[in-house]
N, C-alpha and C. Protein backbone atom coordinates (compact mmCIF):
# COMPACT_ATOMS: atom_id res chain seq x y z
N MET A 1 -20.48 45.06 42.31
CA MET A 1 -20.69 46.34 41.60
C MET A 1 -19.33 46.89 41.41
N ARG A 2 -18.54 46.94 42.68
CA ARG A 2 -17.33 47.53 42.79
C ARG A 2 -16.29 46.83 42.02
N ARG A 3 -16.56 45.41 42.03
CA ARG A 3 -15.79 44.32 41.20
C ARG A 3 -15.68 44.85 39.66
N LEU A 4 -16.92 45.05 39.12
CA LEU A 4 -17.01 45.50 37.87
C LEU A 4 -16.44 46.83 37.43
N ILE A 5 -16.68 47.77 38.51
CA ILE A 5 -15.83 48.97 38.31
C ILE A 5 -14.44 48.84 38.22
N PHE A 6 -13.93 48.14 39.17
CA PHE A 6 -12.35 47.88 39.25
C PHE A 6 -12.02 47.21 37.87
N ALA A 7 -12.72 46.10 37.52
CA ALA A 7 -12.27 45.37 36.27
C ALA A 7 -12.29 46.34 35.17
N ALA A 8 -13.50 47.20 34.90
CA ALA A 8 -13.41 48.20 33.91
C ALA A 8 -12.41 49.11 33.89
N ALA A 9 -11.91 49.78 35.22
CA ALA A 9 -10.72 50.50 35.13
C ALA A 9 -9.63 49.98 34.79
N ARG A 10 -9.27 48.59 34.89
CA ARG A 10 -8.06 47.91 34.48
C ARG A 10 -7.94 47.67 33.11
N MET A 11 -9.05 47.73 32.27
CA MET A 11 -9.21 47.45 30.83
C MET A 11 -8.06 48.22 30.20
N PRO A 12 -8.27 49.67 30.17
CA PRO A 12 -7.09 50.40 29.37
C PRO A 12 -5.75 49.99 29.78
N SER A 13 -5.43 49.63 30.92
CA SER A 13 -3.93 49.29 31.29
C SER A 13 -3.63 47.95 30.84
N LEU A 14 -4.70 47.01 30.70
CA LEU A 14 -4.48 45.72 30.24
C LEU A 14 -4.37 45.66 28.58
N PHE A 15 -5.21 46.57 28.08
CA PHE A 15 -5.15 46.68 26.52
C PHE A 15 -3.66 47.48 26.19
N THR A 16 -3.37 48.34 27.12
CA THR A 16 -1.88 49.12 26.74
C THR A 16 -0.77 48.02 26.77
N ALA A 17 -0.85 47.25 27.84
CA ALA A 17 0.18 46.37 28.04
C ALA A 17 0.35 45.15 26.88
N PHE A 18 -1.01 44.90 26.33
CA PHE A 18 -1.11 43.77 25.43
C PHE A 18 -0.57 44.35 23.97
N SER A 19 -1.00 45.73 23.68
CA SER A 19 -0.47 46.30 22.60
C SER A 19 1.07 46.51 22.51
N ILE A 20 1.49 46.88 23.80
CA ILE A 20 3.18 46.86 23.75
C ILE A 20 3.87 45.56 23.46
N ALA A 21 3.14 44.51 24.09
CA ALA A 21 3.91 43.09 23.85
C ALA A 21 3.51 42.83 22.43
N CYS A 22 2.40 43.13 21.73
CA CYS A 22 2.33 42.91 20.19
C CYS A 22 3.39 43.68 19.50
N ALA A 23 3.61 44.96 19.95
CA ALA A 23 4.58 45.70 19.23
C ALA A 23 5.95 45.08 19.39
N LEU A 24 6.35 44.82 20.51
CA LEU A 24 7.78 44.38 20.88
C LEU A 24 7.93 42.98 20.08
N LEU A 25 6.78 42.19 20.05
CA LEU A 25 6.76 40.94 19.17
C LEU A 25 6.99 41.26 17.60
N ALA A 26 6.27 42.26 17.13
CA ALA A 26 6.53 42.66 15.72
C ALA A 26 7.90 43.12 15.42
N LEU A 27 8.41 43.93 16.44
CA LEU A 27 9.69 44.59 16.27
C LEU A 27 10.81 43.34 16.13
N SER A 28 10.48 42.48 17.18
CA SER A 28 11.53 41.27 17.09
C SER A 28 11.63 40.56 15.95
N SER A 29 10.27 40.33 15.34
CA SER A 29 10.19 39.41 14.06
C SER A 29 10.64 40.25 13.00
N THR A 30 10.68 41.65 13.01
CA THR A 30 11.24 42.45 11.88
C THR A 30 12.76 42.46 11.95
N SER A 31 13.23 42.49 13.01
CA SER A 31 14.61 42.60 13.31
C SER A 31 15.22 41.35 12.98
N SER A 32 14.59 40.16 13.31
CA SER A 32 15.04 38.75 12.69
C SER A 32 15.18 38.70 11.32
N ALA A 33 14.16 39.26 10.81
CA ALA A 33 13.89 38.99 9.40
C ALA A 33 15.14 40.10 8.40
N GLN A 34 15.60 41.11 9.08
CA GLN A 34 16.32 41.92 8.59
C GLN A 34 17.93 41.63 8.87
N THR A 35 18.07 40.61 9.91
CA THR A 35 19.43 40.11 10.15
C THR A 35 19.53 38.63 10.20
N PRO A 36 19.60 38.13 8.89
CA PRO A 36 19.73 36.64 8.84
C PRO A 36 20.91 36.14 9.27
N GLU A 37 20.99 34.65 9.62
CA GLU A 37 22.04 34.07 10.19
C GLU A 37 23.21 34.20 9.09
N PRO A 38 24.55 34.44 9.52
CA PRO A 38 25.65 34.48 8.45
C PRO A 38 25.78 33.26 7.77
N PRO A 39 26.33 33.20 6.54
CA PRO A 39 26.40 31.77 5.86
C PRO A 39 27.50 31.02 6.56
N LYS A 40 27.67 29.63 6.45
CA LYS A 40 28.58 28.77 6.96
C LYS A 40 29.79 28.91 6.13
N PHE A 41 31.07 28.91 6.81
CA PHE A 41 32.12 29.07 6.03
C PHE A 41 32.36 27.82 4.91
N PRO A 42 32.99 28.29 3.76
CA PRO A 42 33.15 27.42 2.88
C PRO A 42 33.86 26.26 2.95
N ILE A 43 33.58 25.09 2.39
CA ILE A 43 34.43 23.88 2.64
C ILE A 43 34.82 23.46 1.24
N TRP A 44 36.28 23.30 1.01
CA TRP A 44 36.78 22.85 -0.37
C TRP A 44 36.37 21.49 -0.52
N PRO A 45 36.03 21.21 -1.81
CA PRO A 45 35.85 19.64 -2.12
C PRO A 45 37.14 19.00 -1.94
N GLU A 46 37.20 17.85 -1.85
CA GLU A 46 38.57 16.91 -1.75
C GLU A 46 39.43 16.98 -2.95
N GLN A 47 38.80 17.18 -4.18
CA GLN A 47 39.58 17.16 -5.33
C GLN A 47 39.10 18.22 -6.33
N PHE A 48 39.86 19.16 -6.83
CA PHE A 48 39.36 19.94 -7.80
C PHE A 48 40.51 20.53 -8.48
N THR A 49 40.45 21.44 -9.64
CA THR A 49 41.17 22.11 -10.34
C THR A 49 40.65 23.46 -10.68
N VAL A 50 41.39 24.51 -10.41
CA VAL A 50 40.93 25.75 -10.60
C VAL A 50 42.07 26.64 -11.27
N GLU A 51 41.70 27.47 -12.30
CA GLU A 51 42.73 28.55 -12.98
C GLU A 51 42.49 29.86 -12.31
N PHE A 52 43.26 30.59 -12.63
CA PHE A 52 43.34 31.94 -11.98
C PHE A 52 44.02 33.06 -12.62
N ASP A 53 43.59 34.21 -12.47
CA ASP A 53 44.39 35.26 -13.01
C ASP A 53 45.22 35.95 -11.83
N VAL A 54 46.43 36.12 -11.91
CA VAL A 54 47.28 36.85 -10.72
C VAL A 54 47.27 38.33 -11.29
N LYS A 55 46.98 39.24 -10.19
CA LYS A 55 47.11 40.64 -10.21
C LYS A 55 47.99 41.17 -9.24
N VAL A 56 48.73 42.18 -9.39
CA VAL A 56 49.57 42.69 -8.36
C VAL A 56 49.26 44.27 -8.61
N PRO A 57 48.37 44.89 -7.85
CA PRO A 57 48.14 46.32 -8.08
C PRO A 57 49.22 47.27 -8.09
N ALA A 58 50.54 46.89 -7.43
CA ALA A 58 51.55 47.71 -7.56
C ALA A 58 52.20 47.91 -8.90
N TYR A 59 51.86 46.82 -9.76
CA TYR A 59 52.41 46.74 -11.17
C TYR A 59 51.52 47.35 -12.18
N GLY A 60 50.40 47.74 -11.54
CA GLY A 60 49.39 48.52 -12.60
C GLY A 60 48.18 47.66 -13.10
N PRO A 61 47.27 48.23 -13.51
CA PRO A 61 45.91 47.25 -13.87
C PRO A 61 46.19 46.39 -15.22
N SER A 62 47.24 46.66 -15.91
CA SER A 62 47.37 45.78 -17.02
C SER A 62 48.11 44.60 -16.83
N PHE A 63 48.68 44.43 -15.49
CA PHE A 63 49.55 43.27 -15.30
C PHE A 63 48.55 42.14 -14.74
N ILE A 64 48.60 41.19 -15.73
CA ILE A 64 47.70 40.07 -15.40
C ILE A 64 48.37 38.72 -15.73
N LYS A 65 48.66 37.94 -15.01
CA LYS A 65 49.35 36.63 -15.37
C LYS A 65 48.54 35.46 -14.99
N LYS A 66 48.86 34.32 -15.51
CA LYS A 66 47.87 33.01 -15.43
C LYS A 66 48.34 32.02 -14.52
N GLY A 67 47.46 31.30 -13.99
CA GLY A 67 47.89 30.30 -13.00
C GLY A 67 46.90 29.15 -12.69
N ALA A 68 47.18 28.15 -12.09
CA ALA A 68 46.23 27.14 -11.86
C ALA A 68 46.57 26.40 -10.46
N LEU A 69 45.43 25.85 -9.76
CA LEU A 69 45.83 25.16 -8.58
C LEU A 69 45.11 23.68 -8.73
N PHE A 70 45.95 22.79 -8.59
CA PHE A 70 45.55 21.34 -8.58
C PHE A 70 45.36 20.90 -6.99
N TYR A 71 44.38 20.54 -6.79
CA TYR A 71 44.14 20.09 -5.48
C TYR A 71 43.49 18.57 -5.19
N ASP A 72 44.28 17.89 -4.29
CA ASP A 72 43.87 16.47 -4.32
C ASP A 72 44.10 16.08 -2.77
N TYR A 73 43.10 16.33 -1.84
CA TYR A 73 43.43 16.15 -0.53
C TYR A 73 43.37 14.63 0.03
N SER A 74 42.72 13.75 -0.95
CA SER A 74 42.64 12.19 -0.76
C SER A 74 44.07 11.83 -0.55
N ILE A 75 45.07 12.47 -1.30
CA ILE A 75 46.51 12.03 -1.04
C ILE A 75 47.37 13.16 -0.45
N GLN A 76 46.57 14.09 0.31
CA GLN A 76 47.11 15.24 1.05
C GLN A 76 48.26 16.04 0.11
N THR A 77 47.81 16.31 -0.99
CA THR A 77 48.90 17.01 -1.98
C THR A 77 48.17 17.98 -2.91
N ALA A 78 48.84 19.06 -3.12
CA ALA A 78 48.25 20.33 -4.08
C ALA A 78 49.46 20.79 -4.71
N ARG A 79 49.26 21.44 -5.87
CA ARG A 79 50.29 22.09 -6.52
C ARG A 79 49.77 23.37 -7.43
N ALA A 80 50.40 24.27 -7.06
CA ALA A 80 50.09 25.71 -7.70
C ALA A 80 51.26 26.05 -8.83
N ASP A 81 50.65 26.31 -10.08
CA ASP A 81 51.50 26.52 -11.05
C ASP A 81 51.14 28.20 -11.45
N TYR A 82 52.27 29.03 -11.80
CA TYR A 82 52.19 30.24 -12.14
C TYR A 82 53.03 30.19 -13.45
N TYR A 83 52.42 30.60 -14.54
CA TYR A 83 52.77 30.71 -15.99
C TYR A 83 53.31 31.86 -16.32
N ASP A 84 54.67 31.73 -16.79
CA ASP A 84 55.41 32.65 -17.44
C ASP A 84 55.77 33.96 -16.40
N TRP A 85 55.33 33.84 -15.13
CA TRP A 85 55.84 34.84 -14.10
C TRP A 85 55.60 34.12 -12.75
N CYS A 86 56.53 34.27 -11.99
CA CYS A 86 56.49 33.43 -10.66
C CYS A 86 56.52 34.49 -9.47
N ILE A 87 55.55 34.32 -8.47
CA ILE A 87 55.45 35.21 -7.47
C ILE A 87 56.97 35.16 -6.88
N PRO A 88 57.57 36.39 -6.71
CA PRO A 88 58.92 36.53 -5.81
C PRO A 88 58.90 35.76 -4.45
N LEU A 89 59.77 35.00 -4.13
CA LEU A 89 59.83 34.25 -2.87
C LEU A 89 61.08 34.73 -2.19
N PHE A 90 62.05 34.95 -2.83
CA PHE A 90 63.34 35.39 -2.40
C PHE A 90 63.72 36.87 -2.29
N GLY A 91 62.84 37.68 -1.69
CA GLY A 91 62.96 39.04 -1.44
C GLY A 91 62.73 39.82 -2.96
N LYS A 92 63.00 41.17 -2.81
CA LYS A 92 62.63 42.14 -3.80
C LYS A 92 63.63 42.32 -4.77
N ARG A 93 64.54 41.28 -5.22
CA ARG A 93 65.57 41.45 -5.98
C ARG A 93 65.34 42.00 -7.45
N ARG A 94 64.01 41.59 -7.91
CA ARG A 94 63.51 42.23 -9.20
C ARG A 94 62.28 42.78 -9.03
N SER A 95 61.79 43.49 -10.03
CA SER A 95 60.25 43.78 -9.94
C SER A 95 59.54 42.67 -11.01
N ALA A 96 58.71 43.25 -11.67
CA ALA A 96 57.94 42.35 -12.67
C ALA A 96 58.78 42.09 -13.66
N GLU A 97 59.92 42.55 -13.87
CA GLU A 97 60.66 42.13 -14.95
C GLU A 97 61.85 41.22 -14.61
N GLY A 98 62.60 40.53 -15.55
CA GLY A 98 63.76 39.83 -15.23
C GLY A 98 63.54 38.54 -14.66
N LEU A 99 64.20 38.55 -13.34
CA LEU A 99 64.37 37.23 -12.76
C LEU A 99 63.06 36.24 -12.67
N TYR A 100 61.76 36.98 -12.52
CA TYR A 100 60.79 36.18 -12.04
C TYR A 100 59.79 35.91 -13.43
N ASN A 101 60.39 36.28 -14.58
CA ASN A 101 59.32 36.05 -15.71
C ASN A 101 59.72 34.60 -16.05
N VAL A 102 59.42 33.57 -15.28
CA VAL A 102 59.50 32.24 -15.91
C VAL A 102 58.25 31.47 -15.20
N THR A 103 58.16 30.28 -15.54
CA THR A 103 57.00 29.52 -14.88
C THR A 103 57.46 28.78 -13.70
N CYS A 104 56.63 28.68 -12.64
CA CYS A 104 57.14 27.97 -11.44
C CYS A 104 56.17 27.30 -10.70
N SER A 105 56.17 26.44 -10.00
CA SER A 105 55.30 25.67 -9.17
C SER A 105 55.67 25.56 -7.71
N PHE A 106 54.56 25.45 -6.86
CA PHE A 106 54.76 24.98 -5.40
C PHE A 106 53.96 23.72 -5.32
N LEU A 107 54.79 22.84 -4.83
CA LEU A 107 54.35 21.43 -4.72
C LEU A 107 54.09 21.26 -3.24
N MET A 108 53.04 21.10 -2.68
CA MET A 108 52.68 20.78 -1.08
C MET A 108 52.18 19.40 -0.99
N THR A 109 53.10 18.72 -0.15
CA THR A 109 52.82 17.26 0.34
C THR A 109 52.56 17.34 1.84
N ALA A 110 52.15 16.23 2.35
CA ALA A 110 51.99 16.03 3.68
C ALA A 110 53.15 16.21 4.59
N LYS A 111 54.37 16.10 3.92
CA LYS A 111 55.66 16.09 4.75
C LYS A 111 56.32 17.30 4.48
N ALA A 112 56.23 17.86 3.30
CA ALA A 112 56.93 19.11 2.90
C ALA A 112 56.43 19.93 1.60
N ALA A 113 56.71 20.94 1.53
CA ALA A 113 56.49 21.78 0.13
C ALA A 113 57.78 22.14 -0.47
N TYR A 114 57.64 22.08 -1.88
CA TYR A 114 58.93 22.38 -2.67
C TYR A 114 58.64 23.28 -3.70
N PHE A 115 59.58 24.04 -4.09
CA PHE A 115 59.52 25.17 -5.21
C PHE A 115 60.22 24.61 -6.38
N ILE A 116 59.58 24.59 -7.50
CA ILE A 116 60.13 23.98 -8.79
C ILE A 116 59.99 25.09 -9.83
N ALA A 117 61.20 25.29 -10.47
CA ALA A 117 61.36 26.28 -11.46
C ALA A 117 62.31 26.01 -12.38
N PRO A 118 62.58 25.00 -13.37
CA PRO A 118 63.52 24.54 -14.20
C PRO A 118 64.16 25.58 -14.84
N ASP A 119 63.54 26.61 -15.20
CA ASP A 119 64.19 27.88 -16.19
C ASP A 119 64.60 28.75 -15.27
N PHE A 120 64.47 28.68 -13.95
CA PHE A 120 65.05 29.74 -12.92
C PHE A 120 66.54 30.11 -13.13
N GLU A 121 67.14 31.23 -13.10
CA GLU A 121 68.35 31.37 -13.47
C GLU A 121 69.40 31.26 -12.15
N VAL A 122 68.76 31.13 -10.91
CA VAL A 122 69.53 30.79 -9.83
C VAL A 122 69.48 29.36 -9.58
N GLN A 123 70.62 28.66 -9.81
CA GLN A 123 70.76 27.31 -9.90
C GLN A 123 70.18 26.56 -8.60
N GLN A 124 70.49 27.11 -7.41
CA GLN A 124 70.07 26.49 -6.25
C GLN A 124 68.67 26.63 -6.04
N ASP A 125 67.94 27.54 -6.71
CA ASP A 125 66.57 27.69 -6.48
C ASP A 125 65.57 26.90 -7.54
N LYS A 126 66.31 26.17 -8.42
CA LYS A 126 65.49 25.66 -9.47
C LYS A 126 64.33 24.58 -9.01
N CYS A 127 64.93 23.89 -7.86
CA CYS A 127 64.00 22.91 -7.28
C CYS A 127 64.69 22.68 -5.83
N CYS A 128 63.94 23.35 -4.79
CA CYS A 128 64.37 23.42 -3.55
C CYS A 128 63.06 23.03 -2.63
N LEU A 129 63.63 22.57 -1.45
CA LEU A 129 62.75 22.45 -0.13
C LEU A 129 62.34 23.75 0.26
N PHE A 130 61.04 23.97 0.19
CA PHE A 130 60.68 25.17 0.58
C PHE A 130 60.12 25.48 2.17
N GLY A 131 60.08 24.03 2.76
CA GLY A 131 59.56 24.12 4.21
C GLY A 131 58.68 22.98 4.32
N GLN A 132 58.17 22.87 5.71
CA GLN A 132 57.36 21.78 6.07
C GLN A 132 56.02 22.61 6.11
N ILE A 133 55.30 22.65 4.83
CA ILE A 133 54.05 23.24 4.50
C ILE A 133 53.23 22.36 4.04
N PRO A 134 52.28 21.62 4.72
CA PRO A 134 51.37 20.61 4.02
C PRO A 134 50.28 21.58 3.25
N PRO A 135 49.62 20.97 2.21
CA PRO A 135 48.33 21.53 1.68
C PRO A 135 47.29 21.98 2.65
N PRO A 136 46.56 22.95 2.51
CA PRO A 136 45.62 23.41 3.35
C PRO A 136 44.47 22.29 3.45
N THR A 137 43.80 22.04 4.66
CA THR A 137 42.67 21.15 4.83
C THR A 137 41.41 21.57 4.10
N PRO A 138 40.63 20.82 3.76
CA PRO A 138 39.29 21.12 3.04
C PRO A 138 38.50 22.18 3.84
N ASP A 139 38.77 22.28 4.98
CA ASP A 139 37.96 23.15 6.02
C ASP A 139 38.93 24.32 6.57
N TRP A 140 39.95 24.63 5.79
CA TRP A 140 40.97 25.66 6.27
C TRP A 140 40.18 26.97 6.55
N LEU A 141 39.24 27.16 5.92
CA LEU A 141 38.48 28.59 6.07
C LEU A 141 37.54 28.73 7.25
N LYS A 142 37.65 27.72 8.18
CA LYS A 142 37.02 27.70 9.44
C LYS A 142 37.36 28.77 10.34
N ASN A 143 38.69 29.40 10.10
CA ASN A 143 39.39 30.15 10.80
C ASN A 143 38.94 31.52 10.51
N THR A 144 38.21 31.69 9.42
CA THR A 144 37.88 33.10 8.94
C THR A 144 36.65 33.45 9.60
N GLN A 145 36.48 35.02 9.40
CA GLN A 145 35.21 35.57 9.97
C GLN A 145 34.41 36.28 8.87
N PHE A 146 33.07 35.93 8.69
CA PHE A 146 32.37 36.38 7.74
C PHE A 146 32.21 37.91 7.83
N ASN A 147 32.38 38.57 6.78
CA ASN A 147 32.46 40.16 6.59
C ASN A 147 31.05 40.45 6.15
N LYS A 148 30.77 40.24 4.88
CA LYS A 148 29.53 40.58 4.24
C LYS A 148 29.29 39.97 3.03
N THR A 149 28.31 40.07 2.14
CA THR A 149 27.97 39.59 1.01
C THR A 149 27.80 40.70 -0.26
N GLU A 150 28.72 40.59 -1.05
CA GLU A 150 28.78 41.62 -2.03
C GLU A 150 28.90 41.27 -3.41
N TRP A 151 28.51 42.24 -4.42
CA TRP A 151 28.53 41.97 -5.92
C TRP A 151 30.12 41.94 -6.17
N LEU A 152 30.57 40.79 -6.76
CA LEU A 152 32.33 41.07 -7.23
C LEU A 152 32.20 39.99 -8.46
N ARG A 153 32.81 40.54 -9.43
CA ARG A 153 33.23 39.77 -10.54
C ARG A 153 32.01 39.13 -11.13
N GLY A 154 30.94 39.44 -11.07
CA GLY A 154 29.65 38.70 -11.69
C GLY A 154 29.15 37.70 -10.74
N HIS A 155 29.46 37.85 -9.47
CA HIS A 155 29.10 36.88 -8.47
C HIS A 155 28.38 37.53 -7.22
N TYR A 156 27.61 37.01 -6.74
CA TYR A 156 26.93 37.51 -5.52
C TYR A 156 27.77 36.65 -4.43
N ALA A 157 28.81 37.36 -3.71
CA ALA A 157 29.87 36.76 -3.28
C ALA A 157 29.85 36.94 -1.88
N ASP A 158 30.28 35.77 -0.89
CA ASP A 158 30.55 35.95 0.30
C ASP A 158 31.87 36.37 0.69
N LYS A 159 32.13 37.41 1.54
CA LYS A 159 33.57 37.78 2.06
C LYS A 159 33.91 37.26 3.21
N TRP A 160 35.20 36.75 3.36
CA TRP A 160 35.57 36.24 4.56
C TRP A 160 36.98 36.69 4.77
N TYR A 161 37.32 37.19 5.91
CA TYR A 161 38.59 37.58 6.36
C TYR A 161 39.42 36.83 7.46
N PHE A 162 40.70 36.91 7.45
CA PHE A 162 41.14 36.16 8.47
C PHE A 162 41.40 37.17 9.73
N PRO A 163 41.10 36.94 11.06
CA PRO A 163 41.29 37.84 12.13
C PRO A 163 42.69 37.80 12.60
N GLY A 164 43.01 38.77 13.54
CA GLY A 164 44.28 38.66 14.00
C GLY A 164 45.25 39.87 13.45
N THR A 165 45.00 40.60 12.46
CA THR A 165 45.82 41.51 11.94
C THR A 165 45.70 42.70 12.84
N ASP A 166 46.64 43.79 12.69
CA ASP A 166 46.67 45.01 13.52
C ASP A 166 45.09 45.77 13.32
N ASN A 167 44.70 45.48 12.14
CA ASN A 167 43.17 46.45 11.86
C ASN A 167 42.27 45.41 11.28
N PRO A 168 41.26 44.88 11.88
CA PRO A 168 40.62 43.82 11.35
C PRO A 168 39.55 44.32 10.38
N GLU A 169 39.52 45.64 10.06
CA GLU A 169 38.73 46.15 8.80
C GLU A 169 39.79 46.26 7.72
N ASP A 170 41.01 45.95 7.87
CA ASP A 170 41.83 46.00 6.71
C ASP A 170 42.62 45.01 6.62
N PRO A 171 42.17 43.50 6.64
CA PRO A 171 43.01 42.43 6.93
C PRO A 171 43.98 42.06 5.92
N TYR A 172 44.95 41.25 6.14
CA TYR A 172 45.91 40.99 5.30
C TYR A 172 45.42 39.88 4.19
N TYR A 173 44.56 39.07 4.55
CA TYR A 173 44.12 37.90 3.72
C TYR A 173 42.71 37.94 3.63
N ILE A 174 42.05 37.94 2.41
CA ILE A 174 40.69 37.94 2.30
C ILE A 174 40.15 36.74 1.41
N TYR A 175 39.08 36.14 1.34
CA TYR A 175 38.66 35.03 0.57
C TYR A 175 37.28 35.26 0.22
N TRP A 176 36.85 35.37 -1.19
CA TRP A 176 35.53 35.38 -1.51
C TRP A 176 35.15 34.15 -2.21
N ASP A 177 33.78 33.68 -1.89
CA ASP A 177 33.29 32.52 -2.65
C ASP A 177 31.78 32.79 -3.02
N ASP A 178 31.29 32.09 -4.04
CA ASP A 178 30.10 32.48 -4.53
C ASP A 178 29.06 32.04 -3.52
N HIS A 179 28.04 32.90 -3.30
CA HIS A 179 26.99 32.60 -2.21
C HIS A 179 26.28 31.44 -2.38
N TYR A 180 25.91 31.07 -3.51
CA TYR A 180 25.03 30.07 -3.96
C TYR A 180 25.79 28.65 -4.02
N SER A 181 26.85 28.84 -4.83
CA SER A 181 27.43 27.59 -5.17
C SER A 181 28.83 27.38 -4.37
N ASN A 182 29.30 28.27 -3.56
CA ASN A 182 30.68 28.11 -2.83
C ASN A 182 31.78 28.03 -3.83
N ASP A 183 31.65 28.24 -5.05
CA ASP A 183 32.91 28.26 -6.06
C ASP A 183 33.77 29.37 -5.57
N PRO A 184 35.10 29.24 -5.68
CA PRO A 184 35.83 30.30 -5.38
C PRO A 184 35.80 31.56 -6.34
N VAL A 185 35.90 32.87 -5.81
CA VAL A 185 35.81 33.87 -6.61
C VAL A 185 37.12 34.61 -6.56
N ARG A 186 37.75 34.88 -5.42
CA ARG A 186 38.87 35.70 -5.36
C ARG A 186 39.79 35.37 -4.07
N PHE A 187 41.08 35.61 -4.12
CA PHE A 187 41.76 35.57 -2.83
C PHE A 187 42.67 36.84 -2.92
N TYR A 188 42.65 37.53 -1.63
CA TYR A 188 43.61 38.68 -1.59
C TYR A 188 44.52 38.46 -0.50
N GLY A 189 46.02 38.59 -0.76
CA GLY A 189 46.87 38.39 0.31
C GLY A 189 48.06 39.18 0.12
N LEU A 190 49.08 39.22 1.01
CA LEU A 190 50.36 39.94 0.98
C LEU A 190 51.54 38.82 0.55
N ALA A 191 52.27 39.36 -0.19
CA ALA A 191 53.32 38.41 -0.73
C ALA A 191 54.66 39.47 -0.51
N SER A 192 55.67 39.06 -0.91
CA SER A 192 57.03 39.78 -0.73
C SER A 192 56.91 41.10 -1.51
N ILE A 193 56.06 41.27 -2.55
CA ILE A 193 55.86 42.54 -3.50
C ILE A 193 54.69 43.16 -3.02
N GLY A 194 54.04 42.81 -2.04
CA GLY A 194 52.93 43.59 -1.56
C GLY A 194 51.55 42.81 -1.76
N VAL A 195 50.65 43.67 -1.87
CA VAL A 195 49.24 42.99 -2.32
C VAL A 195 49.24 42.27 -3.45
N THR A 196 48.67 40.77 -3.45
CA THR A 196 48.72 39.93 -4.67
C THR A 196 47.17 39.45 -4.54
N ILE A 197 46.56 39.30 -5.70
CA ILE A 197 45.17 38.86 -5.93
C ILE A 197 45.04 37.75 -6.89
N LEU A 198 44.33 36.79 -6.51
CA LEU A 198 43.95 35.68 -7.38
C LEU A 198 42.58 35.69 -7.73
N ASP A 199 42.22 36.04 -8.95
CA ASP A 199 40.87 36.11 -9.55
C ASP A 199 40.50 34.73 -10.04
N TYR A 200 39.96 33.81 -9.49
CA TYR A 200 39.54 32.45 -9.82
C TYR A 200 38.67 32.52 -11.25
N THR A 201 39.08 31.63 -12.15
CA THR A 201 38.27 31.76 -13.34
C THR A 201 37.61 30.49 -13.56
N LYS A 202 38.31 29.39 -14.42
CA LYS A 202 37.68 28.10 -14.72
C LYS A 202 37.80 27.17 -13.50
N TYR A 203 36.66 26.53 -13.00
CA TYR A 203 36.66 25.70 -11.69
C TYR A 203 35.97 24.40 -12.08
N SER A 204 36.65 23.37 -11.67
CA SER A 204 36.26 22.11 -12.04
C SER A 204 36.51 21.07 -10.89
N VAL A 205 35.40 20.53 -10.29
CA VAL A 205 35.34 19.50 -9.01
C VAL A 205 35.63 18.18 -9.74
N GLY A 206 36.53 17.39 -9.09
CA GLY A 206 36.71 16.06 -9.51
C GLY A 206 38.17 15.70 -9.30
N PRO A 207 38.51 14.32 -9.57
CA PRO A 207 39.93 13.95 -9.69
C PRO A 207 40.77 14.64 -10.47
N ILE A 208 42.13 14.76 -10.23
CA ILE A 208 43.09 15.24 -11.22
C ILE A 208 43.48 13.97 -12.22
N LYS A 209 43.46 14.43 -13.54
CA LYS A 209 43.48 13.41 -14.30
C LYS A 209 44.97 12.98 -14.47
N ASP A 210 45.98 14.18 -14.46
CA ASP A 210 47.39 13.63 -14.61
C ASP A 210 48.00 13.55 -13.21
N LYS A 211 48.17 12.57 -12.54
CA LYS A 211 48.68 12.38 -11.25
C LYS A 211 50.36 12.69 -11.30
N SER A 212 50.89 12.75 -12.50
CA SER A 212 52.32 12.93 -12.55
C SER A 212 52.83 14.47 -12.29
N ILE A 213 51.67 15.25 -12.11
CA ILE A 213 52.17 16.64 -11.66
C ILE A 213 52.59 16.60 -10.34
N PHE A 214 52.01 15.51 -9.51
CA PHE A 214 52.41 15.68 -8.19
C PHE A 214 53.79 15.06 -7.76
N LYS A 215 54.68 14.77 -8.80
CA LYS A 215 55.93 13.95 -8.54
C LYS A 215 56.82 15.24 -8.88
N LEU A 216 57.99 14.87 -7.95
CA LEU A 216 59.19 15.98 -8.21
C LEU A 216 59.83 15.74 -9.35
N PRO A 217 60.48 16.53 -10.15
CA PRO A 217 61.38 16.28 -11.28
C PRO A 217 62.49 15.62 -11.01
């Protein structure tokens, strides 16, 4: 009889413990559902072409120039073309006017990178060795940190930033890609003229048809 009374006395405590356990399990499940795993960093295809709009906030909202990136990592080569306006590389000698209103290219190979601008008014800079800068590897974004997913330029885009700046909440370089397709959406970085934005537009995966663009003039 005492055993039955003792067992009956323990029932509320057991029920309470069971209820708490169920509640904790439910909270854990809810928390997991609300905090999904961050996406895997984007990996570039081995070969692609992408066109982009160049924007420099310091020059105002109407300043938009065109460019394109040709990427072929099967031969460890990439070329970035800037049409009718070249990102200043040699200091702030001019603003958006004058010296840099020419087409220029950056050719990156496994051994070196070159600056090419046949119409550049500075003779020694028309075609010059820019440094030992190879093209980025397809997984170059592995060093980024996922920040958040947001709506940007008609895309549900994942935002990635490069850590190591003085203020991680205001990084110097940011990359956005489409959350579903991984297509590039935007790149934000610092150049000699300040913040520069590349808004990617037409994107095509596959071999570069004209291989001659990877040759020095």
